């Protein structure tokens, strides 16, 4: 299964951005998404931003990912 994770953009430099979710940060390629700026939320897959989303969409996606991860833990990690 492939999963895109929402990240908040904290800095932009050319076609790359530093993004964060929680306390972690990483650099991702943003060249496929137009007009990315600090404060935006982007969905990242394999180190590449694939779309911009609203903060509300990001929060809902992160909530659902958390539920899925907790569910996998409750089932012993077999999924």
N, C-alpha and C. Protein backbone atom coordinates (compact mmCIF):
# COMPACT_ATOMS: atom_id res chain seq x y z
N UNK A 1 0.84 -1.18 0.00
CA UNK A 1 0.00 0.00 0.00
C UNK A 1 0.88 1.24 0.00
N UNK A 2 0.53 2.21 -0.80
CA UNK A 2 1.23 3.49 -0.84
C UNK A 2 0.41 4.50 -0.05
N UNK A 3 1.10 5.32 0.68
CA UNK A 3 0.41 6.28 1.53
C UNK A 3 1.08 7.63 1.44
N UNK A 4 0.31 8.66 1.13
CA UNK A 4 0.81 10.02 1.16
C UNK A 4 0.53 10.61 2.53
N UNK A 5 1.50 11.30 3.09
CA UNK A 5 1.38 11.86 4.43
C UNK A 5 1.34 13.38 4.34
N UNK A 6 0.41 14.02 5.06
CA UNK A 6 0.36 15.48 5.07
C UNK A 6 1.50 16.06 5.93
N UNK A 7 2.15 17.07 5.38
CA UNK A 7 3.20 17.79 6.10
C UNK A 7 2.95 19.28 5.95
N UNK A 8 3.35 20.04 6.98
CA UNK A 8 3.29 21.49 6.91
C UNK A 8 4.61 22.03 6.38
N UNK A 9 4.54 22.95 5.45
CA UNK A 9 5.73 23.56 4.87
C UNK A 9 6.26 24.61 5.83
N UNK A 10 7.54 24.47 6.21
CA UNK A 10 8.15 25.44 7.12
C UNK A 10 9.14 26.36 6.43
N UNK A 11 9.63 25.96 5.27
CA UNK A 11 10.55 26.81 4.49
C UNK A 11 10.58 26.31 3.06
N UNK A 12 10.76 27.24 2.13
CA UNK A 12 10.83 26.90 0.71
C UNK A 12 12.12 27.48 0.14
N UNK A 13 12.82 26.66 -0.63
CA UNK A 13 14.01 27.13 -1.34
C UNK A 13 14.03 26.47 -2.71
N UNK A 14 13.65 27.25 -3.72
CA UNK A 14 13.60 26.72 -5.08
C UNK A 14 12.55 25.64 -5.21
N UNK A 15 12.97 24.47 -5.70
CA UNK A 15 12.04 23.36 -5.89
C UNK A 15 12.03 22.39 -4.71
N UNK A 16 12.55 22.83 -3.57
CA UNK A 16 12.56 22.00 -2.37
C UNK A 16 11.96 22.76 -1.20
N UNK A 17 11.44 22.02 -0.25
CA UNK A 17 10.88 22.62 0.96
C UNK A 17 11.25 21.78 2.16
N UNK A 18 11.40 22.45 3.29
CA UNK A 18 11.49 21.75 4.57
C UNK A 18 10.05 21.64 5.06
N UNK A 19 9.68 20.44 5.46
CA UNK A 19 8.31 20.21 5.93
C UNK A 19 8.36 19.56 7.30
N UNK A 20 7.24 19.68 8.03
CA UNK A 20 7.19 19.10 9.37
C UNK A 20 5.81 18.52 9.63
N UNK A 21 5.81 17.46 10.40
CA UNK A 21 4.61 16.95 11.03
C UNK A 21 5.06 16.49 12.41
N UNK A 22 4.36 16.94 13.42
CA UNK A 22 4.82 16.66 14.78
C UNK A 22 6.14 17.36 15.02
N UNK A 23 7.11 16.63 15.58
CA UNK A 23 8.41 17.24 15.87
C UNK A 23 9.46 16.93 14.80
N UNK A 24 9.09 16.15 13.78
CA UNK A 24 10.05 15.78 12.75
C UNK A 24 10.02 16.71 11.56
N UNK A 25 11.18 16.91 10.93
CA UNK A 25 11.27 17.70 9.70
C UNK A 25 12.04 16.90 8.66
N UNK A 26 11.78 17.22 7.41
CA UNK A 26 12.51 16.60 6.31
C UNK A 26 12.42 17.49 5.09
N UNK A 27 13.31 17.25 4.14
CA UNK A 27 13.30 18.00 2.88
C UNK A 27 12.56 17.19 1.83
N UNK A 28 11.70 17.87 1.06
CA UNK A 28 10.96 17.20 0.00
C UNK A 28 11.01 18.04 -1.27
N UNK A 29 10.82 17.36 -2.40
CA UNK A 29 10.75 18.02 -3.70
C UNK A 29 9.34 18.56 -3.90
N UNK A 30 9.22 19.84 -4.28
CA UNK A 30 7.90 20.46 -4.47
C UNK A 30 7.66 20.91 -5.90
N UNK A 31 8.52 20.50 -6.81
CA UNK A 31 8.45 20.96 -8.18
C UNK A 31 7.20 20.55 -8.95
N UNK A 32 6.43 19.59 -8.43
CA UNK A 32 5.21 19.15 -9.11
C UNK A 32 3.97 19.91 -8.66
N UNK A 33 4.11 20.75 -7.63
CA UNK A 33 2.98 21.47 -7.05
C UNK A 33 3.24 22.97 -7.19
N UNK A 34 2.26 23.70 -7.69
CA UNK A 34 2.43 25.13 -7.94
C UNK A 34 2.24 25.97 -6.67
N UNK A 35 2.99 27.05 -6.59
CA UNK A 35 2.80 28.10 -5.58
C UNK A 35 2.85 27.59 -4.15
N UNK A 36 3.80 26.72 -3.83
CA UNK A 36 3.95 26.25 -2.46
C UNK A 36 4.69 27.31 -1.66
N UNK A 37 4.14 27.64 -0.49
CA UNK A 37 4.78 28.64 0.37
C UNK A 37 4.72 28.19 1.83
N UNK A 38 5.51 28.85 2.66
CA UNK A 38 5.55 28.55 4.08
C UNK A 38 4.13 28.61 4.65
N UNK A 39 3.78 27.63 5.47
CA UNK A 39 2.46 27.57 6.08
C UNK A 39 1.47 26.69 5.32
N UNK A 40 1.77 26.38 4.05
CA UNK A 40 0.91 25.47 3.29
C UNK A 40 1.05 24.05 3.84
N UNK A 41 0.07 23.23 3.53
CA UNK A 41 0.12 21.80 3.82
C UNK A 41 0.17 21.06 2.48
N UNK A 42 1.07 20.07 2.41
CA UNK A 42 1.21 19.28 1.19
C UNK A 42 1.16 17.80 1.54
N UNK A 43 0.66 17.00 0.61
CA UNK A 43 0.70 15.55 0.75
C UNK A 43 2.00 15.09 0.12
N UNK A 44 2.79 14.31 0.87
CA UNK A 44 4.10 13.86 0.42
C UNK A 44 4.10 12.35 0.29
N UNK A 45 4.59 11.89 -0.85
CA UNK A 45 4.78 10.46 -1.10
C UNK A 45 6.18 10.26 -1.66
N UNK A 46 6.94 9.40 -1.03
CA UNK A 46 8.30 9.07 -1.49
C UNK A 46 9.18 10.31 -1.66
N UNK A 47 9.04 11.27 -0.74
CA UNK A 47 9.88 12.46 -0.78
C UNK A 47 9.46 13.52 -1.77
N UNK A 48 8.26 13.36 -2.36
CA UNK A 48 7.77 14.30 -3.37
C UNK A 48 6.39 14.82 -2.94
N UNK A 49 6.24 16.14 -2.92
CA UNK A 49 4.93 16.73 -2.67
C UNK A 49 4.07 16.49 -3.90
N UNK A 50 2.86 15.93 -3.70
CA UNK A 50 2.02 15.61 -4.84
C UNK A 50 0.77 16.47 -4.92
N UNK A 51 0.40 17.16 -3.82
CA UNK A 51 -0.71 18.11 -3.89
C UNK A 51 -0.75 18.97 -2.64
N UNK A 52 -1.34 20.17 -2.78
CA UNK A 52 -1.60 21.03 -1.64
C UNK A 52 -2.97 20.69 -1.09
N UNK A 53 -3.11 20.76 0.24
CA UNK A 53 -4.40 20.54 0.88
C UNK A 53 -4.62 21.59 1.95
N UNK A 54 -5.85 21.70 2.42
CA UNK A 54 -6.15 22.66 3.48
C UNK A 54 -5.69 22.11 4.81
N UNK A 55 -5.59 22.98 5.79
CA UNK A 55 -5.21 22.54 7.14
C UNK A 55 -6.26 21.57 7.69
N UNK A 56 -7.52 21.80 7.36
CA UNK A 56 -8.58 20.91 7.83
C UNK A 56 -8.43 19.51 7.22
N UNK A 57 -8.11 19.45 5.92
CA UNK A 57 -7.88 18.16 5.28
C UNK A 57 -6.67 17.45 5.89
N UNK A 58 -5.62 18.21 6.17
CA UNK A 58 -4.42 17.64 6.78
C UNK A 58 -4.74 17.06 8.15
N UNK A 59 -5.46 17.80 8.97
CA UNK A 59 -5.82 17.31 10.31
C UNK A 59 -6.65 16.04 10.23
N UNK A 60 -7.61 16.00 9.33
CA UNK A 60 -8.45 14.81 9.18
C UNK A 60 -7.63 13.62 8.68
N UNK A 61 -6.75 13.84 7.71
CA UNK A 61 -5.89 12.76 7.21
C UNK A 61 -4.98 12.22 8.31
N UNK A 62 -4.38 13.11 9.10
CA UNK A 62 -3.51 12.68 10.19
C UNK A 62 -4.30 11.91 11.25
N UNK A 63 -5.53 12.34 11.51
CA UNK A 63 -6.39 11.64 12.47
C UNK A 63 -6.68 10.22 11.98
N UNK A 64 -7.01 10.09 10.71
CA UNK A 64 -7.30 8.77 10.15
C UNK A 64 -6.07 7.87 10.13
N UNK A 65 -4.91 8.44 9.82
CA UNK A 65 -3.67 7.66 9.83
C UNK A 65 -3.40 7.16 11.24
N UNK A 66 -3.61 8.02 12.23
CA UNK A 66 -3.41 7.62 13.63
C UNK A 66 -4.33 6.46 14.00
N UNK A 67 -5.59 6.55 13.60
CA UNK A 67 -6.55 5.46 13.88
C UNK A 67 -6.08 4.17 13.22
N UNK A 68 -5.64 4.24 11.97
CA UNK A 68 -5.16 3.05 11.28
C UNK A 68 -3.95 2.44 11.97
N UNK A 69 -3.01 3.29 12.39
CA UNK A 69 -1.81 2.78 13.05
C UNK A 69 -2.14 2.17 14.40
N UNK A 70 -3.01 2.80 15.16
CA UNK A 70 -3.41 2.23 16.45
C UNK A 70 -4.15 0.93 16.25
N UNK A 71 -4.97 0.84 15.21
CA UNK A 71 -5.68 -0.40 14.92
C UNK A 71 -4.74 -1.53 14.61
N UNK A 72 -3.69 -1.24 13.83
CA UNK A 72 -2.70 -2.26 13.50
C UNK A 72 -1.97 -2.73 14.75
N UNK A 73 -1.68 -1.82 15.68
CA UNK A 73 -1.03 -2.18 16.94
C UNK A 73 -1.95 -3.06 17.78
N UNK A 74 -3.24 -2.71 17.82
CA UNK A 74 -4.20 -3.48 18.60
C UNK A 74 -4.34 -4.91 18.08
N UNK A 75 -4.10 -5.08 16.78
CA UNK A 75 -4.21 -6.41 16.16
C UNK A 75 -2.87 -7.12 16.10
N UNK A 76 -1.90 -6.62 16.83
CA UNK A 76 -0.59 -7.26 16.86
C UNK A 76 0.29 -6.91 15.69
N UNK A 77 -0.08 -5.85 14.92
CA UNK A 77 0.75 -5.42 13.82
C UNK A 77 0.53 -6.19 12.53
N UNK A 78 -0.32 -7.17 12.54
CA UNK A 78 -0.60 -7.92 11.32
C UNK A 78 -1.70 -7.20 10.57
N UNK A 79 -1.42 -6.76 9.35
CA UNK A 79 -2.45 -6.01 8.69
C UNK A 79 -2.54 -6.37 7.31
